[in-house]
């Protein structure tokens, strides 16, 4: 999975995070590395994804992301 988060408001305006890694929704929690960041998120490190709800029939899921970022 590859994801980019771009922030457009507040103190994080113009900053972004890029994640890349396996995001298997059947695991309750998994780590994906933050492979890049700009602005206040330069030198980001680890993203923890936590599945709160999963429908295996449709593949729909509710997932929370907790990022640890050094800046």
PDB file of N, CA and C in Angstrom:
ATOM      1  N   UNK A   1       0.839  -1.157   0.000  1.00  0.00           N
ATOM      2  CA  UNK A   1       0.000   0.000   0.000  1.00  0.00           C
ATOM      3  C   UNK A   1       0.891   1.229   0.000  1.00  0.00           C
ATOM      4  N   UNK A   2       0.533   2.189  -0.796  1.00  0.00           N
ATOM      5  CA  UNK A   2       1.225   3.479  -0.810  1.00  0.00           C
ATOM      6  C   UNK A   2       0.189   4.557  -0.528  1.00  0.00           C
ATOM      7  N   UNK A   3       0.485   5.435   0.426  1.00  0.00           N
ATOM      8  CA  UNK A   3      -0.432   6.517   0.790  1.00  0.00           C
ATOM      9  C   UNK A   3       0.351   7.792   0.993  1.00  0.00           C
ATOM     10  N   UNK A   4      -0.238   8.885   0.582  1.00  0.00           N
ATOM     11  CA  UNK A   4       0.309  10.212   0.839  1.00  0.00           C
ATOM     12  C   UNK A   4      -0.737  11.018   1.583  1.00  0.00           C
ATOM     13  N   UNK A   5      -0.311  11.661   2.667  1.00  0.00           N
ATOM     14  CA  UNK A   5      -1.180  12.551   3.418  1.00  0.00           C
ATOM     15  C   UNK A   5      -0.655  13.968   3.216  1.00  0.00           C
ATOM     16  N   UNK A   6      -1.466  14.838   2.653  1.00  0.00           N
ATOM     17  CA  UNK A   6      -1.087  16.231   2.441  1.00  0.00           C
ATOM     18  C   UNK A   6      -1.955  17.109   3.335  1.00  0.00           C
ATOM     19  N   UNK A   7      -1.330  18.003   4.062  1.00  0.00           N
ATOM     20  CA  UNK A   7      -2.038  18.866   4.998  1.00  0.00           C
ATOM     21  C   UNK A   7      -2.169  20.261   4.389  1.00  0.00           C
ATOM     22  N   UNK A   8      -3.360  20.835   4.504  1.00  0.00           N
ATOM     23  CA  UNK A   8      -3.644  22.092   3.808  1.00  0.00           C
ATOM     24  C   UNK A   8      -4.128  23.200   4.724  1.00  0.00           C
ATOM     25  N   UNK A   9      -4.052  22.998   6.037  1.00  0.00           N
ATOM     26  CA  UNK A   9      -4.565  24.014   6.947  1.00  0.00           C
ATOM     27  C   UNK A   9      -3.780  23.995   8.253  1.00  0.00           C
ATOM     28  N   UNK A  10      -3.846  25.068   8.978  1.00  0.00           N
ATOM     29  CA  UNK A  10      -3.234  25.153  10.296  1.00  0.00           C
ATOM     30  C   UNK A  10      -1.718  25.135  10.247  1.00  0.00           C
ATOM     31  N   UNK A  11      -1.107  24.720  11.361  1.00  0.00           N
ATOM     32  CA  UNK A  11       0.363  24.751  11.442  1.00  0.00           C
ATOM     33  C   UNK A  11       1.029  23.728  10.531  1.00  0.00           C
ATOM     34  N   UNK A  12       0.284  22.707  10.085  1.00  0.00           N
ATOM     35  CA  UNK A  12       0.845  21.677   9.213  1.00  0.00           C
ATOM     36  C   UNK A  12       0.636  21.978   7.729  1.00  0.00           C
ATOM     37  N   UNK A  13       0.072  23.119   7.401  1.00  0.00           N
ATOM     38  CA  UNK A  13      -0.185  23.495   6.012  1.00  0.00           C
ATOM     39  C   UNK A  13       1.098  23.393   5.179  1.00  0.00           C
ATOM     40  N   UNK A  14       1.030  22.652   4.074  1.00  0.00           N
ATOM     41  CA  UNK A  14       2.183  22.471   3.198  1.00  0.00           C
ATOM     42  C   UNK A  14       3.052  21.282   3.544  1.00  0.00           C
ATOM     43  N   UNK A  15       2.784  20.609   4.656  1.00  0.00           N
ATOM     44  CA  UNK A  15       3.550  19.424   5.055  1.00  0.00           C
ATOM     45  C   UNK A  15       2.865  18.172   4.517  1.00  0.00           C
ATOM     46  N   UNK A  16       3.642  17.094   4.327  1.00  0.00           N
ATOM     47  CA  UNK A  16       3.040  15.837   3.883  1.00  0.00           C
ATOM     48  C   UNK A  16       3.808  14.659   4.446  1.00  0.00           C
ATOM     49  N   UNK A  17       3.160  13.490   4.430  1.00  0.00           N
ATOM     50  CA  UNK A  17       3.753  12.211   4.837  1.00  0.00           C
ATOM     51  C   UNK A  17       3.506  11.196   3.739  1.00  0.00           C
ATOM     52  N   UNK A  18       4.486  10.337   3.484  1.00  0.00           N
ATOM     53  CA  UNK A  18       4.334   9.249   2.515  1.00  0.00           C
ATOM     54  C   UNK A  18       4.585   7.920   3.216  1.00  0.00           C
ATOM     55  N   UNK A  19       3.651   6.978   3.068  1.00  0.00           N
ATOM     56  CA  UNK A  19       3.757   5.652   3.670  1.00  0.00           C
ATOM     57  C   UNK A  19       3.824   4.607   2.577  1.00  0.00           C
ATOM     58  N   UNK A  20       4.526   3.519   2.867  1.00  0.00           N
ATOM     59  CA  UNK A  20       4.645   2.426   1.919  1.00  0.00           C
ATOM     60  C   UNK A  20       4.833   1.141   2.697  1.00  0.00           C
ATOM     61  N   UNK A  21       4.026   0.119   2.406  1.00  0.00           N
ATOM     62  CA  UNK A  21       4.209  -1.149   3.092  1.00  0.00           C
ATOM     63  C   UNK A  21       2.972  -2.020   2.967  1.00  0.00           C
ATOM     64  N   UNK A  22       3.064  -3.213   3.522  1.00  0.00           N
ATOM     65  CA  UNK A  22       1.945  -4.155   3.499  1.00  0.00           C
ATOM     66  C   UNK A  22       0.932  -3.747   4.556  1.00  0.00           C
ATOM     67  N   UNK A  23      -0.324  -3.647   4.137  1.00  0.00           N
ATOM     68  CA  UNK A  23      -1.395  -3.243   5.038  1.00  0.00           C
ATOM     69  C   UNK A  23      -2.480  -4.315   5.002  1.00  0.00           C
ATOM     70  N   UNK A  24      -2.223  -5.418   5.647  1.00  0.00           N
ATOM     71  CA  UNK A  24      -3.153  -6.544   5.658  1.00  0.00           C
ATOM     72  C   UNK A  24      -4.249  -6.292   6.694  1.00  0.00           C
ATOM     73  N   UNK A  25      -5.452  -5.983   6.219  1.00  0.00           N
ATOM     74  CA  UNK A  25      -6.557  -5.621   7.110  1.00  0.00           C
ATOM     75  C   UNK A  25      -6.984  -6.759   8.029  1.00  0.00           C
ATOM     76  N   UNK A  26      -6.606  -8.000   7.731  1.00  0.00           N
ATOM     77  CA  UNK A  26      -7.003  -9.110   8.601  1.00  0.00           C
ATOM     78  C   UNK A  26      -6.190  -9.134   9.891  1.00  0.00           C
ATOM     79  N   UNK A  27      -5.057  -8.434   9.930  1.00  0.00           N
ATOM     80  CA  UNK A  27      -4.289  -8.312  11.172  1.00  0.00           C
ATOM     81  C   UNK A  27      -4.848  -7.136  11.965  1.00  0.00           C
ATOM     82  N   UNK A  28      -5.082  -7.319  13.271  1.00  0.00           N
ATOM     83  CA  UNK A  28      -5.675  -6.239  14.056  1.00  0.00           C
ATOM     84  C   UNK A  28      -4.798  -4.974  14.093  1.00  0.00           C
ATOM     85  N   UNK A  29      -3.487  -5.123  14.115  1.00  0.00           N
ATOM     86  CA  UNK A  29      -2.578  -3.971  14.114  1.00  0.00           C
ATOM     87  C   UNK A  29      -1.364  -4.318  13.276  1.00  0.00           C
ATOM     88  N   UNK A  30      -0.836  -3.337  12.561  1.00  0.00           N
ATOM     89  CA  UNK A  30       0.352  -3.576  11.736  1.00  0.00           C
ATOM     90  C   UNK A  30       1.135  -2.277  11.590  1.00  0.00           C
ATOM     91  N   UNK A  31       2.424  -2.436  11.310  1.00  0.00           N
ATOM     92  CA  UNK A  31       3.313  -1.296  11.117  1.00  0.00           C
ATOM     93  C   UNK A  31       3.608  -1.105   9.640  1.00  0.00           C
ATOM     94  N   UNK A  32       3.647   0.145   9.233  1.00  0.00           N
ATOM     95  CA  UNK A  32       4.084   0.491   7.886  1.00  0.00           C
ATOM     96  C   UNK A  32       5.069   1.639   8.026  1.00  0.00           C
ATOM     97  N   UNK A  33       6.168   1.604   7.302  1.00  0.00           N
ATOM     98  CA  UNK A  33       7.139   2.680   7.440  1.00  0.00           C
ATOM     99  C   UNK A  33       6.685   3.959   6.757  1.00  0.00           C
ATOM    100  N   UNK A  34       7.006   5.075   7.382  1.00  0.00           N
ATOM    101  CA  UNK A  34       6.880   6.366   6.733  1.00  0.00           C
ATOM    102  C   UNK A  34       8.159   6.533   5.930  1.00  0.00           C
ATOM    103  N   UNK A  35       8.043   6.600   4.619  1.00  0.00           N
ATOM    104  CA  UNK A  35       9.231   6.621   3.756  1.00  0.00           C
ATOM    105  C   UNK A  35       9.625   8.030   3.337  1.00  0.00           C
ATOM    106  N   UNK A  36       8.823   8.998   3.705  1.00  0.00           N
ATOM    107  CA  UNK A  36       9.170  10.372   3.365  1.00  0.00           C
ATOM    108  C   UNK A  36       8.226  11.343   4.022  1.00  0.00           C
ATOM    109  N   UNK A  37       8.682  12.561   4.122  1.00  0.00           N
ATOM    110  CA  UNK A  37       7.865  13.620   4.683  1.00  0.00           C
ATOM    111  C   UNK A  37       8.478  14.960   4.336  1.00  0.00           C
ATOM    112  N   UNK A  38       7.640  15.979   4.325  1.00  0.00           N
ATOM    113  CA  UNK A  38       8.127  17.320   4.056  1.00  0.00           C
ATOM    114  C   UNK A  38       7.581  18.264   5.121  1.00  0.00           C
ATOM    115  N   UNK A  39       8.137  19.449   5.153  1.00  0.00           N
ATOM    116  CA  UNK A  39       7.682  20.445   6.110  1.00  0.00           C
ATOM    117  C   UNK A  39       7.915  19.984   7.533  1.00  0.00           C
ATOM    118  N   UNK A  40       6.904  20.125   8.373  1.00  0.00           N
ATOM    119  CA  UNK A  40       7.037  19.742   9.775  1.00  0.00           C
ATOM    120  C   UNK A  40       7.169  18.237   9.975  1.00  0.00           C
ATOM    121  N   UNK A  41       6.856  17.449   8.946  1.00  0.00           N
ATOM    122  CA  UNK A  41       6.931  15.997   9.065  1.00  0.00           C
ATOM    123  C   UNK A  41       8.208  15.407   8.484  1.00  0.00           C
ATOM    124  N   UNK A  42       9.204  16.227   8.246  1.00  0.00           N
ATOM    125  CA  UNK A  42      10.497  15.720   7.778  1.00  0.00           C
ATOM    126  C   UNK A  42      11.042  14.741   8.820  1.00  0.00           C
ATOM    127  N   UNK A  43      11.595  13.640   8.390  1.00  0.00           N
ATOM    128  CA  UNK A  43      12.179  12.592   9.249  1.00  0.00           C
ATOM    129  C   UNK A  43      11.135  11.776  10.003  1.00  0.00           C
ATOM    130  N   UNK A  44       9.938  11.623   9.449  1.00  0.00           N
ATOM    131  CA  UNK A  44       8.944  10.750  10.063  1.00  0.00           C
ATOM    132  C   UNK A  44       9.469   9.321  10.140  1.00  0.00           C
ATOM    133  N   UNK A  45       8.959   8.529  11.058  1.00  0.00           N
ATOM    134  CA  UNK A  45       9.515   7.196  11.273  1.00  0.00           C
ATOM    135  C   UNK A  45       8.536   6.050  11.082  1.00  0.00           C
ATOM    136  N   UNK A  46       7.519   5.913  11.908  1.00  0.00           N
ATOM    137  CA  UNK A  46       6.692   4.700  11.924  1.00  0.00           C
ATOM    138  C   UNK A  46       5.215   5.054  11.948  1.00  0.00           C
ATOM    139  N   UNK A  47       4.437   4.281  11.222  1.00  0.00           N
ATOM    140  CA  UNK A  47       2.989   4.405  11.217  1.00  0.00           C
ATOM    141  C   UNK A  47       2.412   3.115  11.771  1.00  0.00           C
ATOM    142  N   UNK A  48       1.494   3.216  12.712  1.00  0.00           N
ATOM    143  CA  UNK A  48       0.794   2.048  13.237  1.00  0.00           C
ATOM    144  C   UNK A  48      -0.650   2.125  12.758  1.00  0.00           C
ATOM    145  N   UNK A  49      -1.116   1.097  12.055  1.00  0.00           N
ATOM    146  CA  UNK A  49      -2.502   1.040  11.593  1.00  0.00           C
ATOM    147  C   UNK A  49      -3.262   0.062  12.471  1.00  0.00           C
ATOM    148  N   UNK A  50      -4.447   0.444  12.897  1.00  0.00           N
ATOM    149  CA  UNK A  50      -5.285  -0.383  13.759  1.00  0.00           C
ATOM    150  C   UNK A  50      -6.648  -0.524  13.098  1.00  0.00           C
ATOM    151  N   UNK A  51      -7.048  -1.763  12.819  1.00  0.00           N
ATOM    152  CA  UNK A  51      -8.369  -2.010  12.233  1.00  0.00           C
ATOM    153  C   UNK A  51      -9.410  -2.026  13.345  1.00  0.00           C
ATOM    154  N   UNK A  52     -10.464  -1.231  13.179  1.00  0.00           N
ATOM    155  CA  UNK A  52     -11.547  -1.183  14.154  1.00  0.00           C
ATOM    156  C   UNK A  52     -12.763  -1.968  13.694  1.00  0.00           C
ATOM    157  N   UNK A  53     -12.917  -2.107  12.396  1.00  0.00           N
ATOM    158  CA  UNK A  53     -14.047  -2.848  11.841  1.00  0.00           C
ATOM    159  C   UNK A  53     -13.652  -3.346  10.458  1.00  0.00           C
ATOM    160  N   UNK A  54     -14.033  -4.590  10.123  1.00  0.00           N
ATOM    161  CA  UNK A  54     -13.704  -5.172   8.826  1.00  0.00           C
ATOM    162  C   UNK A  54     -14.845  -6.062   8.368  1.00  0.00           C
ATOM    163  N   UNK A  55     -15.294  -5.861   7.133  1.00  0.00           N
ATOM    164  CA  UNK A  55     -16.264  -6.739   6.494  1.00  0.00           C
ATOM    165  C   UNK A  55     -15.493  -7.536   5.445  1.00  0.00           C
ATOM    166  N   UNK A  56     -15.190  -8.794   5.737  1.00  0.00           N
ATOM    167  CA  UNK A  56     -14.352  -9.594   4.838  1.00  0.00           C
ATOM    168  C   UNK A  56     -15.054  -9.900   3.515  1.00  0.00           C
ATOM    169  N   UNK A  57     -16.375  -9.828   3.492  1.00  0.00           N
ATOM    170  CA  UNK A  57     -17.115 -10.080   2.263  1.00  0.00           C
ATOM    171  C   UNK A  57     -16.914  -8.952   1.247  1.00  0.00           C
ATOM    172  N   UNK A  58     -17.036  -7.718   1.712  1.00  0.00           N
ATOM    173  CA  UNK A  58     -16.919  -6.564   0.802  1.00  0.00           C
ATOM    174  C   UNK A  58     -15.523  -5.957   0.777  1.00  0.00           C
ATOM    175  N   UNK A  59     -14.726  -6.239   1.813  1.00  0.00           N
ATOM    176  CA  UNK A  59     -13.399  -5.623   1.916  1.00  0.00           C
ATOM    177  C   UNK A  59     -13.433  -4.243   2.541  1.00  0.00           C
ATOM    178  N   UNK A  60     -14.616  -3.792   2.964  1.00  0.00           N
ATOM    179  CA  UNK A  60     -14.733  -2.498   3.634  1.00  0.00           C
ATOM    180  C   UNK A  60     -14.119  -2.578   5.028  1.00  0.00           C
ATOM    181  N   UNK A  61     -13.470  -1.487   5.444  1.00  0.00           N
ATOM    182  CA  UNK A  61     -12.845  -1.476   6.756  1.00  0.00           C
ATOM    183  C   UNK A  61     -12.814  -0.063   7.307  1.00  0.00           C
ATOM    184  N   UNK A  62     -12.812   0.025   8.623  1.00  0.00           N
ATOM    185  CA  UNK A  62     -12.595   1.278   9.331  1.00  0.00           C
ATOM    186  C   UNK A  62     -11.244   1.145  10.020  1.00  0.00           C
ATOM    187  N   UNK A  63     -10.275   1.968   9.611  1.00  0.00           N
ATOM    188  CA  UNK A  63      -8.895   1.836  10.079  1.00  0.00           C
ATOM    189  C   UNK A  63      -8.433   3.167  10.644  1.00  0.00           C
ATOM    190  N   UNK A  64      -7.772   3.138  11.787  1.00  0.00           N
ATOM    191  CA  UNK A  64      -7.159   4.330  12.372  1.00  0.00           C
ATOM    192  C   UNK A  64      -5.661   4.279  12.164  1.00  0.00           C
ATOM    193  N   UNK A  65      -5.047   5.428  11.929  1.00  0.00           N
ATOM    194  CA  UNK A  65      -3.598   5.517  11.716  1.00  0.00           C
ATOM    195  C   UNK A  65      -2.986   6.390  12.793  1.00  0.00           C
ATOM    196  N   UNK A  66      -1.934   5.887  13.436  1.00  0.00           N
ATOM    197  CA  UNK A  66      -1.221   6.624  14.467  1.00  0.00           C
ATOM    198  C   UNK A  66       0.217   6.779  13.994  1.00  0.00           C
ATOM    199  N   UNK A  67       0.610   8.002  13.657  1.00  0.00           N
ATOM    200  CA  UNK A  67       1.953   8.262  13.120  1.00  0.00           C
ATOM    201  C   UNK A  67       2.852   8.855  14.195  1.00  0.00           C
ATOM    202  N   UNK A  68       4.080   8.344  14.267  1.00  0.00           N
ATOM    203  CA  UNK A  68       5.095   8.928  15.131  1.00  0.00           C
ATOM    204  C   UNK A  68       6.044   9.688  14.235  1.00  0.00           C
ATOM    205  N   UNK A  69       6.141  10.980  14.449  1.00  0.00           N
ATOM    206  CA  UNK A  69       6.943  11.829  13.567  1.00  0.00           C
ATOM    207  C   UNK A  69       7.899  12.659  14.404  1.00  0.00           C
ATOM    208  N   UNK A  70       9.174  12.624  14.058  1.00  0.00           N
ATOM    209  CA  UNK A  70      10.184  13.447  14.710  1.00  0.00           C
ATOM    210  C   UNK A  70      10.333  14.704  13.879  1.00  0.00           C
ATOM    211  N   UNK A  71      10.218  15.861  14.497  1.00  0.00           N
ATOM    212  CA  UNK A  71      10.429  17.107  13.743  1.00  0.00           C
ATOM    213  C   UNK A  71      11.080  18.142  14.618  1.00  0.00           C
TER     214      UNK A  71
END
